[in-house]
């Protein structure tokens, strides 16, 4: 039995097709976003893989979800290696979406900072921010700010905008998209519109995602 299935069994939580064993969601709403905040269309989508790929893998994560940290360093990296980095003709794109539950007090702040990196310095900066945050196993306010400065070189005034919810709307749009798929926890995985839930038994979550990707190629 893989770690994801063990967590579901130990917690007594059934794994349904619309949910993912890991960190379960709630309303998680914070302060009202600024009315003149950044529009979702202004935030470039962080991703890995070719833009014209026939298979799109959407990954929904929360920076304070411990399961997402494990997923990023294990399953995600291995699948990206297999289908993008090591492929001679990659035809899969991994797209990254924020789904703050929140697990902790800084789930929304960390997500908004990632959007800020993308808006201020491009999608690759958002990817770098995401990698550093998940590798840190930490989402303190100081680390969020430091990581944002390292990846996007933002000014003090931009950081103030982050804290004032200016970059919240793209995060809300990500979460609404996840909800429309039936995602209710993190990490959440959707392959060409199909939600992939952690399986029970001996099959791993990575195996389930790989199988769905391969079925779409």
N, C-alpha and C. Protein backbone atom coordinates (compact mmCIF):
# COMPACT_ATOMS: atom_id res chain seq x y z
N UNK A 1 0.85 -1.18 0.00
CA UNK A 1 0.00 0.00 0.00
C UNK A 1 0.89 1.24 0.00
N UNK A 2 0.65 2.21 -0.89
CA UNK A 2 1.48 3.39 -0.97
C UNK A 2 1.11 4.37 0.13
N UNK A 3 1.97 5.42 0.29
CA UNK A 3 1.78 6.37 1.39
C UNK A 3 0.45 7.08 1.32
N UNK A 4 -0.02 7.39 0.09
CA UNK A 4 -1.27 8.12 -0.06
C UNK A 4 -2.44 7.27 0.43
N UNK A 5 -2.44 5.99 0.06
CA UNK A 5 -3.52 5.11 0.49
C UNK A 5 -3.48 4.90 1.99
N UNK A 6 -2.28 4.78 2.57
CA UNK A 6 -2.16 4.60 4.01
C UNK A 6 -2.75 5.79 4.74
N UNK A 7 -2.49 7.00 4.24
CA UNK A 7 -3.03 8.18 4.90
C UNK A 7 -4.55 8.17 4.87
N UNK A 8 -5.12 7.75 3.75
CA UNK A 8 -6.56 7.73 3.66
C UNK A 8 -7.15 6.71 4.62
N UNK A 9 -6.52 5.53 4.72
CA UNK A 9 -7.03 4.49 5.60
C UNK A 9 -6.90 4.90 7.06
N UNK A 10 -5.73 5.45 7.42
CA UNK A 10 -5.50 5.81 8.81
C UNK A 10 -6.41 6.93 9.27
N UNK A 11 -6.76 7.82 8.34
CA UNK A 11 -7.62 8.92 8.73
C UNK A 11 -9.09 8.57 8.64
N UNK A 12 -9.38 7.39 8.08
CA UNK A 12 -10.76 6.97 7.94
C UNK A 12 -11.47 7.71 6.84
N UNK A 13 -10.70 8.34 5.93
CA UNK A 13 -11.30 9.12 4.86
C UNK A 13 -11.36 8.31 3.59
N UNK A 14 -12.55 8.17 3.02
CA UNK A 14 -12.71 7.45 1.77
C UNK A 14 -12.14 8.27 0.64
N UNK A 15 -11.53 7.62 -0.33
CA UNK A 15 -10.97 8.30 -1.48
C UNK A 15 -11.97 8.20 -2.62
N UNK A 16 -12.56 9.34 -2.97
CA UNK A 16 -13.54 9.38 -4.06
C UNK A 16 -12.90 10.00 -5.28
N UNK A 17 -13.56 9.86 -6.42
CA UNK A 17 -12.99 10.37 -7.66
C UNK A 17 -12.88 11.88 -7.63
N UNK A 18 -13.70 12.57 -6.82
CA UNK A 18 -13.66 14.03 -6.80
C UNK A 18 -12.72 14.58 -5.74
N UNK A 19 -12.01 13.73 -5.03
CA UNK A 19 -11.13 14.22 -3.98
C UNK A 19 -9.79 13.53 -4.05
N UNK A 20 -8.83 14.10 -3.34
CA UNK A 20 -7.48 13.56 -3.33
C UNK A 20 -7.04 13.40 -1.88
N UNK A 21 -6.53 12.21 -1.55
CA UNK A 21 -6.00 12.00 -0.20
C UNK A 21 -4.83 12.93 0.00
N UNK A 22 -4.85 13.65 1.08
CA UNK A 22 -3.81 14.63 1.35
C UNK A 22 -4.38 15.64 2.30
N UNK A 23 -4.29 16.93 1.95
CA UNK A 23 -4.86 17.98 2.78
C UNK A 23 -6.24 18.32 2.26
N UNK A 24 -7.25 18.18 3.11
CA UNK A 24 -8.63 18.40 2.68
C UNK A 24 -8.99 19.86 2.77
N UNK A 25 -9.86 20.28 1.85
CA UNK A 25 -10.20 21.69 1.72
C UNK A 25 -11.32 22.15 2.61
N UNK A 26 -11.45 23.48 2.67
CA UNK A 26 -12.54 24.13 3.36
C UNK A 26 -12.81 25.43 2.66
N UNK A 27 -13.53 26.34 3.28
CA UNK A 27 -13.84 27.60 2.62
C UNK A 27 -12.58 28.44 2.43
N UNK A 28 -11.80 28.59 3.49
CA UNK A 28 -10.48 29.22 3.40
C UNK A 28 -10.45 30.61 2.86
N UNK A 29 -11.48 31.42 3.09
CA UNK A 29 -11.50 32.76 2.54
C UNK A 29 -10.84 33.75 3.51
N UNK A 30 -10.10 34.70 2.93
CA UNK A 30 -9.45 35.74 3.71
C UNK A 30 -10.15 37.07 3.45
N UNK A 31 -9.41 38.14 3.59
CA UNK A 31 -9.99 39.46 3.38
C UNK A 31 -10.42 39.66 1.93
N UNK A 32 -11.35 40.59 1.72
CA UNK A 32 -11.83 40.88 0.37
C UNK A 32 -10.69 41.41 -0.48
N UNK A 33 -10.52 40.90 -1.71
CA UNK A 33 -9.42 41.37 -2.56
C UNK A 33 -9.63 42.81 -2.98
N UNK A 34 -8.54 43.50 -3.28
CA UNK A 34 -8.63 44.87 -3.75
C UNK A 34 -9.42 44.92 -5.05
N UNK A 35 -10.36 45.85 -5.18
CA UNK A 35 -11.19 45.90 -6.40
C UNK A 35 -10.39 46.19 -7.65
N UNK A 36 -9.22 46.83 -7.51
CA UNK A 36 -8.40 47.13 -8.68
C UNK A 36 -7.21 46.17 -8.78
N UNK A 37 -7.35 44.98 -8.19
CA UNK A 37 -6.27 44.01 -8.20
C UNK A 37 -5.98 43.46 -9.59
N UNK A 38 -4.89 42.71 -9.68
CA UNK A 38 -4.46 42.10 -10.93
C UNK A 38 -5.50 41.10 -11.43
N UNK A 39 -5.86 41.19 -12.69
CA UNK A 39 -6.84 40.28 -13.27
C UNK A 39 -6.19 38.93 -13.55
N UNK A 40 -6.96 37.84 -13.48
CA UNK A 40 -6.40 36.51 -13.78
C UNK A 40 -5.72 36.44 -15.14
N UNK A 41 -6.26 37.16 -16.12
CA UNK A 41 -5.68 37.12 -17.48
C UNK A 41 -4.29 37.74 -17.54
N UNK A 42 -3.93 38.53 -16.53
CA UNK A 42 -2.62 39.19 -16.52
C UNK A 42 -1.54 38.33 -15.91
N UNK A 43 -1.93 37.20 -15.33
CA UNK A 43 -0.96 36.33 -14.66
C UNK A 43 -0.57 35.17 -15.58
N UNK A 44 0.67 35.09 -16.04
CA UNK A 44 1.09 33.98 -16.91
C UNK A 44 1.04 32.66 -16.16
N UNK A 45 0.67 31.60 -16.87
CA UNK A 45 0.54 30.28 -16.24
C UNK A 45 1.91 29.62 -16.09
N UNK A 46 2.34 29.34 -14.87
CA UNK A 46 3.59 28.60 -14.69
C UNK A 46 3.43 27.16 -15.16
N UNK A 47 4.40 26.66 -15.88
CA UNK A 47 4.26 25.32 -16.44
C UNK A 47 5.62 24.75 -16.82
N UNK A 48 5.63 23.46 -17.10
CA UNK A 48 6.79 22.79 -17.67
C UNK A 48 6.29 21.91 -18.82
N UNK A 49 6.99 21.99 -19.95
CA UNK A 49 6.58 21.23 -21.12
C UNK A 49 6.11 22.14 -22.23
N UNK A 50 5.99 21.62 -23.45
CA UNK A 50 5.66 22.43 -24.62
C UNK A 50 4.24 22.99 -24.57
N UNK A 51 4.08 24.21 -25.08
CA UNK A 51 2.77 24.87 -25.11
C UNK A 51 1.77 24.12 -25.97
N UNK A 52 2.25 23.46 -27.01
CA UNK A 52 1.35 22.77 -27.95
C UNK A 52 1.17 21.29 -27.63
N UNK A 53 1.48 20.89 -26.40
CA UNK A 53 1.35 19.48 -25.99
C UNK A 53 -0.09 19.02 -26.10
N UNK A 54 -0.28 17.77 -26.48
CA UNK A 54 -1.64 17.22 -26.60
C UNK A 54 -2.21 16.79 -25.26
N UNK A 55 -1.33 16.62 -24.27
CA UNK A 55 -1.77 16.22 -22.94
C UNK A 55 -1.37 17.30 -21.94
N UNK A 56 -2.35 17.78 -21.20
CA UNK A 56 -2.13 18.79 -20.18
C UNK A 56 -2.41 18.20 -18.80
N UNK A 57 -1.42 18.28 -17.93
CA UNK A 57 -1.57 17.79 -16.56
C UNK A 57 -1.66 19.00 -15.64
N UNK A 58 -2.81 19.21 -15.02
CA UNK A 58 -3.00 20.31 -14.09
C UNK A 58 -2.71 19.82 -12.67
N UNK A 59 -1.82 20.52 -11.97
CA UNK A 59 -1.47 20.16 -10.60
C UNK A 59 -1.94 21.27 -9.66
N UNK A 60 -2.77 20.91 -8.69
CA UNK A 60 -3.33 21.87 -7.74
C UNK A 60 -2.68 21.63 -6.38
N UNK A 61 -2.04 22.68 -5.84
CA UNK A 61 -1.27 22.51 -4.61
C UNK A 61 -1.45 23.70 -3.67
N UNK A 62 -1.12 23.45 -2.40
CA UNK A 62 -1.11 24.45 -1.34
C UNK A 62 0.29 24.46 -0.75
N UNK A 63 0.90 25.63 -0.64
CA UNK A 63 2.28 25.72 -0.17
C UNK A 63 2.47 25.27 1.27
N UNK A 64 1.39 25.22 2.05
CA UNK A 64 1.51 24.78 3.43
C UNK A 64 1.02 23.36 3.64
N UNK A 65 0.68 22.66 2.57
CA UNK A 65 0.24 21.27 2.66
C UNK A 65 1.47 20.36 2.67
N UNK A 66 1.70 19.59 3.74
CA UNK A 66 2.89 18.72 3.78
C UNK A 66 2.87 17.64 2.70
N UNK A 67 1.68 17.19 2.31
CA UNK A 67 1.58 16.19 1.25
C UNK A 67 2.03 16.79 -0.09
N UNK A 68 1.78 18.09 -0.28
CA UNK A 68 2.20 18.74 -1.52
C UNK A 68 3.73 18.84 -1.59
N UNK A 69 4.37 19.07 -0.46
CA UNK A 69 5.84 19.10 -0.42
C UNK A 69 6.39 17.73 -0.83
N UNK A 70 5.81 16.67 -0.28
CA UNK A 70 6.25 15.32 -0.63
C UNK A 70 5.99 15.02 -2.11
N UNK A 71 4.83 15.43 -2.58
CA UNK A 71 4.44 15.20 -3.97
C UNK A 71 5.39 15.92 -4.92
N UNK A 72 5.71 17.17 -4.60
CA UNK A 72 6.59 17.96 -5.47
C UNK A 72 7.96 17.33 -5.60
N UNK A 73 8.53 16.89 -4.48
CA UNK A 73 9.89 16.35 -4.51
C UNK A 73 9.95 14.93 -5.06
N UNK A 74 8.84 14.22 -5.03
CA UNK A 74 8.81 12.84 -5.50
C UNK A 74 8.06 12.65 -6.79
N UNK A 75 6.77 12.43 -6.70
CA UNK A 75 5.94 12.10 -7.86
C UNK A 75 6.03 13.13 -8.97
N UNK A 76 5.88 14.41 -8.62
CA UNK A 76 5.89 15.45 -9.65
C UNK A 76 7.21 15.47 -10.41
N UNK A 77 8.32 15.50 -9.69
CA UNK A 77 9.62 15.59 -10.35
C UNK A 77 9.89 14.36 -11.22
N UNK A 78 9.50 13.20 -10.75
CA UNK A 78 9.73 11.98 -11.52
C UNK A 78 8.91 11.96 -12.80
N UNK A 79 7.67 12.43 -12.72
CA UNK A 79 6.83 12.45 -13.92
C UNK A 79 7.30 13.52 -14.91
N UNK A 80 7.72 14.67 -14.41
CA UNK A 80 8.26 15.71 -15.29
C UNK A 80 9.54 15.21 -15.96
N UNK A 81 10.39 14.52 -15.20
CA UNK A 81 11.59 13.94 -15.79
C UNK A 81 11.23 12.96 -16.91
N UNK A 82 10.25 12.13 -16.64
CA UNK A 82 9.89 11.08 -17.59
C UNK A 82 9.24 11.63 -18.85
N UNK A 83 8.31 12.57 -18.70
CA UNK A 83 7.52 13.00 -19.84
C UNK A 83 7.98 14.31 -20.47
N UNK A 84 8.87 15.05 -19.81
CA UNK A 84 9.33 16.33 -20.36
C UNK A 84 10.84 16.36 -20.50
N UNK A 85 11.55 16.29 -19.38
CA UNK A 85 13.00 16.49 -19.43
C UNK A 85 13.73 15.39 -20.19
N UNK A 86 13.32 14.13 -20.02
CA UNK A 86 14.04 13.02 -20.64
C UNK A 86 13.43 12.56 -21.96
N UNK A 87 12.34 13.17 -22.34
CA UNK A 87 11.67 12.77 -23.57
C UNK A 87 12.33 13.43 -24.79
N UNK A 88 12.55 12.65 -25.84
CA UNK A 88 13.13 13.21 -27.06
C UNK A 88 12.11 14.04 -27.83
N UNK A 89 10.84 13.79 -27.60
CA UNK A 89 9.78 14.54 -28.27
C UNK A 89 8.63 14.72 -27.29
N UNK A 90 8.80 15.60 -26.30
CA UNK A 90 7.79 15.75 -25.25
C UNK A 90 6.45 16.22 -25.80
N UNK A 91 5.39 15.59 -25.34
CA UNK A 91 4.04 15.95 -25.78
C UNK A 91 3.11 16.09 -24.58
N UNK A 92 3.71 16.42 -23.42
CA UNK A 92 2.96 16.60 -22.18
C UNK A 92 3.39 17.93 -21.55
N UNK A 93 2.41 18.70 -21.11
CA UNK A 93 2.72 19.92 -20.38
C UNK A 93 2.11 19.84 -18.98
N UNK A 94 2.92 20.15 -17.97
CA UNK A 94 2.47 20.20 -16.59
C UNK A 94 2.18 21.66 -16.25
N UNK A 95 0.95 21.94 -15.87
CA UNK A 95 0.55 23.30 -15.50
C UNK A 95 0.30 23.36 -14.00
N UNK A 96 0.73 24.45 -13.38
CA UNK A 96 0.67 24.56 -11.92
C UNK A 96 -0.39 25.57 -11.49
N UNK A 97 -1.28 25.12 -10.62
CA UNK A 97 -2.39 25.93 -10.13
C UNK A 97 -2.35 25.99 -8.61
N UNK A 98 -2.76 27.14 -8.08
CA UNK A 98 -2.83 27.30 -6.63
C UNK A 98 -4.19 26.86 -6.13
N UNK A 99 -4.17 26.11 -5.01
CA UNK A 99 -5.41 25.70 -4.37
C UNK A 99 -5.22 25.84 -2.86
N UNK A 100 -5.16 27.11 -2.37
CA UNK A 100 -5.00 27.32 -0.92
C UNK A 100 -6.24 26.88 -0.16
N UNK A 101 -6.05 26.00 0.81
CA UNK A 101 -7.22 25.41 1.49
C UNK A 101 -7.84 26.36 2.53
N UNK A 102 -7.19 27.02 3.45
CA UNK A 102 -5.76 26.93 3.69
C UNK A 102 -5.42 25.90 4.77
N UNK A 103 -4.20 25.38 4.67
CA UNK A 103 -3.68 24.50 5.70
C UNK A 103 -3.20 25.34 6.88
N UNK A 104 -2.55 26.47 6.58
CA UNK A 104 -2.03 27.35 7.62
C UNK A 104 -2.35 28.80 7.30
N UNK A 105 -1.83 29.69 8.12
CA UNK A 105 -2.16 31.11 7.98
C UNK A 105 -1.62 31.75 6.71
N UNK A 106 -0.58 31.15 6.11
CA UNK A 106 0.07 31.79 4.97
C UNK A 106 -0.20 31.10 3.63
N UNK A 107 -1.18 30.23 3.57
CA UNK A 107 -1.49 29.54 2.31
C UNK A 107 -1.83 30.53 1.20
N UNK A 108 -2.69 31.50 1.51
CA UNK A 108 -3.07 32.48 0.50
C UNK A 108 -1.92 33.44 0.20
N UNK A 109 -1.21 33.87 1.23
CA UNK A 109 -0.11 34.80 1.02
C UNK A 109 0.97 34.19 0.14
N UNK A 110 1.31 32.93 0.40
CA UNK A 110 2.33 32.26 -0.42
C UNK A 110 1.88 32.13 -1.86
N UNK A 111 0.60 31.81 -2.06
CA UNK A 111 0.07 31.68 -3.42
C UNK A 111 0.09 33.02 -4.15
N UNK A 112 -0.33 34.09 -3.45
CA UNK A 112 -0.33 35.41 -4.08
C UNK A 112 1.08 35.87 -4.43
N UNK A 113 2.05 35.52 -3.59
CA UNK A 113 3.44 35.88 -3.89
C UNK A 113 3.92 35.18 -5.16
N UNK A 114 3.49 33.93 -5.35
CA UNK A 114 3.85 33.22 -6.58
C UNK A 114 3.27 33.91 -7.81
N UNK A 115 2.02 34.33 -7.72
CA UNK A 115 1.41 35.08 -8.82
C UNK A 115 2.20 36.36 -9.08
N UNK A 116 2.61 37.01 -8.02
CA UNK A 116 3.39 38.24 -8.15
C UNK A 116 4.67 38.00 -8.93
N UNK A 117 5.35 36.91 -8.62
CA UNK A 117 6.59 36.58 -9.35
C UNK A 117 6.31 36.46 -10.84
N UNK A 118 5.20 35.81 -11.19
CA UNK A 118 4.86 35.65 -12.59
C UNK A 118 4.51 36.96 -13.27
N UNK A 119 3.71 37.78 -12.59
CA UNK A 119 3.30 39.07 -13.16
C UNK A 119 4.50 40.00 -13.32
N UNK A 120 5.37 40.03 -12.31
CA UNK A 120 6.49 40.98 -12.32
C UNK A 120 7.68 40.52 -13.15
N UNK A 121 7.89 39.19 -13.26
CA UNK A 121 9.11 38.70 -13.92
C UNK A 121 8.88 37.54 -14.89
N UNK A 122 7.64 37.15 -15.13
CA UNK A 122 7.37 36.10 -16.11
C UNK A 122 7.11 34.75 -15.49
N UNK A 123 6.54 33.85 -16.30
CA UNK A 123 6.13 32.53 -15.83
C UNK A 123 7.29 31.73 -15.26
N UNK A 124 8.48 31.87 -15.84
CA UNK A 124 9.63 31.11 -15.34
C UNK A 124 9.99 31.51 -13.92
N UNK A 125 9.78 32.79 -13.58
CA UNK A 125 10.04 33.24 -12.21
C UNK A 125 9.04 32.62 -11.25
N UNK A 126 7.79 32.46 -11.70
CA UNK A 126 6.78 31.81 -10.87
C UNK A 126 7.16 30.35 -10.63
N UNK A 127 7.65 29.68 -11.66
CA UNK A 127 8.08 28.29 -11.51
C UNK A 127 9.24 28.20 -10.52
N UNK A 128 10.20 29.12 -10.62
CA UNK A 128 11.34 29.12 -9.70
C UNK A 128 10.88 29.38 -8.27
N UNK A 129 9.97 30.32 -8.11
CA UNK A 129 9.41 30.60 -6.78
C UNK A 129 8.75 29.34 -6.22
N UNK A 130 7.94 28.69 -7.03
CA UNK A 130 7.23 27.49 -6.59
C UNK A 130 8.21 26.40 -6.17
N UNK A 131 9.24 26.16 -6.97
CA UNK A 131 10.23 25.13 -6.64
C UNK A 131 10.91 25.44 -5.31
N UNK A 132 11.33 26.68 -5.13
CA UNK A 132 12.04 27.05 -3.91
C UNK A 132 11.14 26.93 -2.68
N UNK A 133 9.90 27.33 -2.82
CA UNK A 133 8.99 27.26 -1.68
C UNK A 133 8.74 25.81 -1.26
N UNK A 134 8.52 24.93 -2.23
CA UNK A 134 8.26 23.54 -1.89
C UNK A 134 9.51 22.85 -1.36
N UNK A 135 10.66 23.24 -1.86
CA UNK A 135 11.90 22.64 -1.38
C UNK A 135 12.24 23.10 0.04
N UNK A 136 11.73 24.24 0.44
CA UNK A 136 12.07 24.79 1.75
C UNK A 136 11.35 24.11 2.89
N UNK A 137 10.19 23.47 2.61
CA UNK A 137 9.37 22.85 3.65
C UNK A 137 8.94 23.90 4.68
N UNK A 138 8.70 25.11 4.22
CA UNK A 138 8.41 26.20 5.13
C UNK A 138 7.60 27.25 4.37
N UNK A 139 6.67 27.92 5.05
CA UNK A 139 5.93 28.99 4.39
C UNK A 139 5.76 30.16 5.35
N UNK A 140 6.84 30.51 6.03
CA UNK A 140 6.80 31.67 6.92
C UNK A 140 6.74 32.94 6.07
N UNK A 141 6.24 34.01 6.67
CA UNK A 141 6.14 35.27 5.95
C UNK A 141 7.51 35.74 5.48
N UNK A 142 8.52 35.62 6.33
CA UNK A 142 9.87 36.05 5.95
C UNK A 142 10.40 35.25 4.77
N UNK A 143 10.16 33.95 4.78
CA UNK A 143 10.66 33.12 3.68
C UNK A 143 9.91 33.43 2.39
N UNK A 144 8.61 33.64 2.48
CA UNK A 144 7.83 34.00 1.28
C UNK A 144 8.41 35.26 0.66
N UNK A 145 8.64 36.26 1.48
CA UNK A 145 9.17 37.53 0.95
C UNK A 145 10.57 37.33 0.37
N UNK A 146 11.42 36.62 1.09
CA UNK A 146 12.79 36.40 0.60
C UNK A 146 12.79 35.64 -0.72
N UNK A 147 11.97 34.61 -0.81
CA UNK A 147 11.90 33.81 -2.05
C UNK A 147 11.38 34.64 -3.20
N UNK A 148 10.39 35.49 -2.93
CA UNK A 148 9.86 36.37 -3.98
C UNK A 148 10.92 37.35 -4.44
N UNK A 149 11.68 37.89 -3.52
CA UNK A 149 12.75 38.83 -3.90
C UNK A 149 13.83 38.13 -4.72
N UNK A 150 14.16 36.89 -4.35
CA UNK A 150 15.20 36.15 -5.07
C UNK A 150 14.77 35.77 -6.49
N UNK A 151 13.51 35.44 -6.66
CA UNK A 151 13.06 34.94 -7.96
C UNK A 151 12.51 36.03 -8.88
N UNK A 152 12.05 37.14 -8.30
CA UNK A 152 11.44 38.18 -9.13
C UNK A 152 12.02 39.57 -8.88
N UNK A 153 12.87 39.73 -7.87
CA UNK A 153 13.49 41.02 -7.60
C UNK A 153 12.50 42.14 -7.31
N UNK A 154 11.45 41.85 -6.54
CA UNK A 154 10.39 42.84 -6.33
C UNK A 154 10.82 43.91 -5.32
N UNK A 155 10.14 45.03 -5.41
CA UNK A 155 10.42 46.15 -4.52
C UNK A 155 9.56 46.06 -3.26
N UNK A 156 9.85 46.92 -2.30
CA UNK A 156 9.06 46.96 -1.07
C UNK A 156 7.60 47.30 -1.36
N UNK A 157 7.36 48.17 -2.33
CA UNK A 157 5.99 48.56 -2.64
C UNK A 157 5.20 47.39 -3.23
N UNK A 158 5.87 46.55 -4.01
CA UNK A 158 5.20 45.37 -4.56
C UNK A 158 4.86 44.39 -3.44
N UNK A 159 5.78 44.21 -2.51
CA UNK A 159 5.50 43.32 -1.38
C UNK A 159 4.30 43.83 -0.57
N UNK A 160 4.20 45.14 -0.44
CA UNK A 160 3.05 45.72 0.26
C UNK A 160 1.77 45.40 -0.50
N UNK A 161 1.83 45.44 -1.83
CA UNK A 161 0.67 45.07 -2.64
C UNK A 161 0.27 43.61 -2.41
N UNK A 162 1.27 42.74 -2.28
CA UNK A 162 0.99 41.32 -2.01
C UNK A 162 0.21 41.20 -0.71
N UNK A 163 0.67 41.86 0.31
CA UNK A 163 0.01 41.79 1.61
C UNK A 163 -1.38 42.40 1.61
N UNK A 164 -1.61 43.34 0.68
CA UNK A 164 -2.91 44.00 0.58
C UNK A 164 -3.86 43.32 -0.40
N UNK A 165 -3.55 42.08 -0.77
CA UNK A 165 -4.45 41.25 -1.59
C UNK A 165 -4.51 41.65 -3.07
N UNK A 166 -3.57 42.49 -3.53
CA UNK A 166 -3.62 42.98 -4.91
C UNK A 166 -3.50 41.85 -5.92
N UNK A 167 -2.82 40.77 -5.57
CA UNK A 167 -2.59 39.66 -6.50
C UNK A 167 -3.47 38.45 -6.18
N UNK A 168 -4.58 38.68 -5.50
CA UNK A 168 -5.42 37.58 -5.05
C UNK A 168 -6.31 36.99 -6.14
N UNK A 169 -6.82 37.82 -7.05
CA UNK A 169 -7.81 37.34 -8.01
C UNK A 169 -7.34 36.16 -8.85
N UNK A 170 -6.10 36.13 -9.35
CA UNK A 170 -5.65 34.95 -10.08
C UNK A 170 -5.64 33.68 -9.24
N UNK A 171 -5.35 33.81 -7.94
CA UNK A 171 -5.39 32.65 -7.05
C UNK A 171 -6.83 32.16 -6.89
N UNK A 172 -7.76 33.10 -6.72
CA UNK A 172 -9.16 32.72 -6.63
C UNK A 172 -9.62 32.00 -7.89
N UNK A 173 -9.16 32.49 -9.05
CA UNK A 173 -9.53 31.85 -10.32
C UNK A 173 -8.98 30.43 -10.40
N UNK A 174 -7.76 30.23 -9.91
CA UNK A 174 -7.18 28.88 -9.89
C UNK A 174 -8.03 27.96 -9.03
N UNK A 175 -8.41 28.45 -7.85
CA UNK A 175 -9.18 27.60 -6.94
C UNK A 175 -10.56 27.30 -7.51
N UNK A 176 -11.17 28.28 -8.15
CA UNK A 176 -12.47 28.06 -8.78
C UNK A 176 -12.37 27.03 -9.90
N UNK A 177 -11.27 27.07 -10.65
CA UNK A 177 -11.07 26.08 -11.70
C UNK A 177 -10.94 24.68 -11.10
N UNK A 178 -10.17 24.58 -10.01
CA UNK A 178 -10.06 23.30 -9.33
C UNK A 178 -11.41 22.80 -8.84
N UNK A 179 -12.19 23.70 -8.25
CA UNK A 179 -13.52 23.32 -7.77
C UNK A 179 -14.40 22.82 -8.92
N UNK A 180 -14.26 23.45 -10.08
CA UNK A 180 -15.08 23.05 -11.23
C UNK A 180 -14.75 21.64 -11.69
N UNK A 181 -13.51 21.20 -11.43
CA UNK A 181 -13.11 19.83 -11.75
C UNK A 181 -13.56 18.85 -10.67
N UNK A 182 -13.92 19.36 -9.50
CA UNK A 182 -14.28 18.49 -8.38
C UNK A 182 -13.14 18.29 -7.41
N UNK A 183 -12.07 19.09 -7.54
CA UNK A 183 -10.97 19.02 -6.59
C UNK A 183 -11.45 19.53 -5.24
N UNK A 184 -11.10 18.83 -4.18
CA UNK A 184 -11.48 19.28 -2.84
C UNK A 184 -10.34 19.13 -1.84
N UNK A 185 -9.15 18.83 -2.32
CA UNK A 185 -7.99 18.69 -1.46
C UNK A 185 -6.73 18.76 -2.27
N UNK A 186 -5.60 18.78 -1.59
CA UNK A 186 -4.32 18.88 -2.30
C UNK A 186 -3.38 17.76 -1.88
N UNK A 187 -2.51 17.32 -2.80
CA UNK A 187 -2.43 17.75 -4.18
C UNK A 187 -3.57 17.19 -5.02
N UNK A 188 -4.00 17.96 -5.99
CA UNK A 188 -5.03 17.52 -6.92
C UNK A 188 -4.45 17.42 -8.32
N UNK A 189 -4.84 16.39 -9.05
CA UNK A 189 -4.27 16.15 -10.39
C UNK A 189 -5.40 15.95 -11.38
N UNK A 190 -5.32 16.68 -12.51
CA UNK A 190 -6.31 16.57 -13.58
C UNK A 190 -5.56 16.41 -14.90
N UNK A 191 -5.83 15.33 -15.61
CA UNK A 191 -5.17 15.05 -16.89
C UNK A 191 -6.19 15.18 -18.01
N UNK A 192 -6.02 16.20 -18.85
CA UNK A 192 -6.96 16.46 -19.95
C UNK A 192 -8.42 16.40 -19.47
N UNK A 193 -8.67 17.02 -18.32
CA UNK A 193 -10.03 17.11 -17.80
C UNK A 193 -10.45 15.96 -16.91
N UNK A 194 -9.63 14.94 -16.77
CA UNK A 194 -9.96 13.78 -15.93
C UNK A 194 -9.22 13.87 -14.60
N UNK A 195 -9.97 13.87 -13.49
CA UNK A 195 -9.37 13.90 -12.17
C UNK A 195 -8.76 12.54 -11.86
N UNK A 196 -7.50 12.55 -11.41
CA UNK A 196 -6.81 11.31 -11.03
C UNK A 196 -6.71 11.26 -9.51
N UNK A 197 -7.38 10.31 -8.89
CA UNK A 197 -7.36 10.17 -7.44
C UNK A 197 -6.37 9.10 -7.03
N UNK A 198 -5.78 9.24 -5.84
CA UNK A 198 -4.88 8.19 -5.34
C UNK A 198 -5.61 6.87 -5.26
N UNK A 199 -5.07 5.81 -5.84
CA UNK A 199 -5.74 4.51 -5.83
C UNK A 199 -5.55 3.78 -4.52
N UNK A 200 -6.38 2.81 -4.30
CA UNK A 200 -6.20 1.92 -3.16
C UNK A 200 -5.44 0.69 -3.62
N UNK A 201 -4.93 -0.09 -2.67
CA UNK A 201 -4.20 -1.30 -3.03
C UNK A 201 -2.72 -1.01 -3.24
N UNK A 202 -2.08 -1.82 -4.07
CA UNK A 202 -0.64 -1.75 -4.26
C UNK A 202 -0.21 -0.71 -5.29
N UNK A 203 -1.13 -0.21 -6.08
CA UNK A 203 -0.79 0.76 -7.11
C UNK A 203 -0.53 2.12 -6.48
N UNK A 204 0.55 2.78 -6.90
CA UNK A 204 0.89 4.08 -6.33
C UNK A 204 0.17 5.21 -7.06
N UNK A 205 0.15 6.38 -6.43
CA UNK A 205 -0.44 7.56 -7.05
C UNK A 205 0.30 7.89 -8.34
N UNK A 206 1.62 7.77 -8.30
CA UNK A 206 2.42 8.04 -9.49
C UNK A 206 2.03 7.10 -10.62
N UNK A 207 1.81 5.83 -10.32
CA UNK A 207 1.38 4.87 -11.34
C UNK A 207 0.05 5.28 -11.95
N UNK A 208 -0.87 5.74 -11.11
CA UNK A 208 -2.20 6.12 -11.59
C UNK A 208 -2.12 7.34 -12.51
N UNK A 209 -1.30 8.32 -12.14
CA UNK A 209 -1.14 9.51 -12.98
C UNK A 209 -0.46 9.14 -14.29
N UNK A 210 0.60 8.33 -14.21
CA UNK A 210 1.31 7.91 -15.41
C UNK A 210 0.39 7.17 -16.37
N UNK A 211 -0.43 6.29 -15.83
CA UNK A 211 -1.34 5.52 -16.67
C UNK A 211 -2.34 6.43 -17.39
N UNK A 212 -2.83 7.43 -16.68
CA UNK A 212 -3.79 8.36 -17.31
C UNK A 212 -3.12 9.18 -18.39
N UNK A 213 -1.89 9.63 -18.13
CA UNK A 213 -1.16 10.38 -19.15
C UNK A 213 -0.95 9.53 -20.38
N UNK A 214 -0.48 8.30 -20.18
CA UNK A 214 -0.21 7.41 -21.30
C UNK A 214 -1.48 7.09 -22.09
N UNK A 215 -2.62 7.00 -21.41
CA UNK A 215 -3.87 6.71 -22.10
C UNK A 215 -4.32 7.87 -22.98
N UNK A 216 -3.79 9.08 -22.69
CA UNK A 216 -4.18 10.27 -23.46
C UNK A 216 -3.21 10.59 -24.60
N UNK A 217 -2.05 9.97 -24.58
CA UNK A 217 -1.04 10.25 -25.63
C UNK A 217 -1.41 9.59 -26.94
